[in-house]
């Protein structure tokens, strides 16, 4: 059974994935409108974080069956910091 902290970790990673998906789509839309090479580079950079979030969800689910609170809690703190960073990036892009 998956513990509460692992569910929280998976939820945060899912939010990270959703935010990065929105950001990548906005960057690509901006690139199509401007054809600026820098915008394409930013979109690809964000796509790497999108891939990282997807892979993290997969591995965290596997970790949840083997490891307990001693692993889940530090990862939760790291994920919360990452979510704060991606959220602030989304907020600033949206204005």
Protein backbone atom coordinates (compact mmCIF):
# COMPACT_ATOMS: atom_id res chain seq x y z
CA UNK A 1 0.00 0.00 0.00
CA UNK A 2 1.24 3.47 -0.84
CA UNK A 3 1.74 5.74 2.14
CA UNK A 4 0.40 9.27 2.47
CA UNK A 5 3.79 10.90 1.88
CA UNK A 6 4.29 8.93 -1.33
CA UNK A 7 0.85 9.96 -2.54
CA UNK A 8 1.76 13.58 -1.78
CA UNK A 9 5.04 13.16 -3.72
CA UNK A 10 3.21 11.69 -6.71
CA UNK A 11 0.63 14.49 -6.56
CA UNK A 12 3.32 17.17 -6.53
CA UNK A 13 5.13 15.53 -9.43
CA UNK A 14 1.86 15.38 -11.36
CA UNK A 15 1.41 19.12 -10.78
CA UNK A 16 5.00 19.69 -11.93
CA UNK A 17 4.25 17.71 -15.08
CA UNK A 18 1.08 19.69 -15.78
CA UNK A 19 2.79 23.05 -15.25
CA UNK A 20 5.69 22.09 -17.48
CA UNK A 21 3.30 20.82 -20.16
CA UNK A 22 1.56 24.21 -20.16
CA UNK A 23 4.89 26.05 -20.26
CA UNK A 24 6.26 23.95 -23.13
CA UNK A 25 3.09 24.52 -25.15
CA UNK A 26 3.26 28.28 -24.53
CA UNK A 27 6.92 28.44 -25.45
CA UNK A 28 6.28 26.51 -28.65
CA UNK A 29 3.34 28.78 -29.48
CA UNK A 30 5.58 31.80 -28.97
CA UNK A 31 8.27 30.20 -31.12
CA UNK A 32 5.81 29.61 -33.95
CA UNK A 33 4.75 33.24 -33.75
CA UNK A 34 8.23 34.75 -33.59
CA UNK A 35 10.57 32.11 -35.09
CA UNK A 36 13.13 33.22 -32.51
CA UNK A 37 15.79 30.56 -31.98
CA UNK A 38 16.07 31.49 -28.33
CA UNK A 39 12.39 30.68 -27.80
CA UNK A 40 12.88 27.23 -29.34
CA UNK A 41 15.84 26.66 -27.01
CA UNK A 42 13.74 27.65 -24.00
CA UNK A 43 10.99 25.27 -25.14
CA UNK A 44 13.47 22.40 -25.41
CA UNK A 45 14.93 23.25 -22.01
CA UNK A 46 11.42 23.11 -20.51
CA UNK A 47 10.78 19.84 -22.36
CA UNK A 48 13.70 18.28 -20.49
CA UNK A 49 12.00 19.19 -17.20
CA UNK A 50 8.75 17.74 -18.56
CA UNK A 51 10.53 14.47 -19.30
CA UNK A 52 12.16 14.55 -15.87
CA UNK A 53 8.76 14.90 -14.18
CA UNK A 54 7.35 11.97 -16.17
CA UNK A 55 10.30 9.72 -15.32
CA UNK A 56 10.14 10.78 -11.67
CA UNK A 57 6.48 9.78 -11.43
CA UNK A 58 7.36 6.32 -12.75
CA UNK A 59 10.27 5.79 -10.36
CA UNK A 60 8.56 7.29 -7.34
CA UNK A 61 5.70 4.86 -7.77
CA UNK A 62 8.24 2.03 -7.74
CA UNK A 63 9.99 3.50 -4.72
CA UNK A 64 6.68 3.72 -2.84
CA UNK A 65 6.46 -0.08 -2.69
CA UNK A 66 9.99 -0.50 -1.30
CA UNK A 67 10.80 2.52 0.84
CA UNK A 68 9.07 4.22 3.70
CA UNK A 69 8.91 7.59 5.38
CA UNK A 70 12.71 7.88 5.69
CA UNK A 71 12.92 8.30 1.89
CA UNK A 72 9.52 9.85 1.18
CA UNK A 73 9.87 12.82 3.53
CA UNK A 74 13.14 14.25 2.14
CA UNK A 75 11.85 13.75 -1.41
CA UNK A 76 8.65 15.54 -0.45
CA UNK A 77 10.62 18.56 0.72
CA UNK A 78 12.70 18.58 -2.48
CA UNK A 79 9.55 18.29 -4.59
CA UNK A 80 7.85 21.13 -2.75
CA UNK A 81 10.82 23.39 -3.52
CA UNK A 82 10.67 22.33 -7.18
CA UNK A 83 6.93 22.96 -7.30
CA UNK A 84 7.46 26.45 -5.87
CA UNK A 85 10.03 27.16 -8.56
CA UNK A 86 7.88 25.89 -11.44
CA UNK A 87 4.83 27.68 -10.05
CA UNK A 88 6.66 31.00 -9.87
CA UNK A 89 7.92 30.48 -13.42
CA UNK A 90 4.36 29.78 -14.58
CA UNK A 91 3.06 32.83 -12.71
CA UNK A 92 5.64 35.10 -14.30
CA UNK A 93 5.07 33.70 -17.80
CA UNK A 94 1.30 34.09 -17.44
CA UNK A 95 1.44 37.84 -16.84
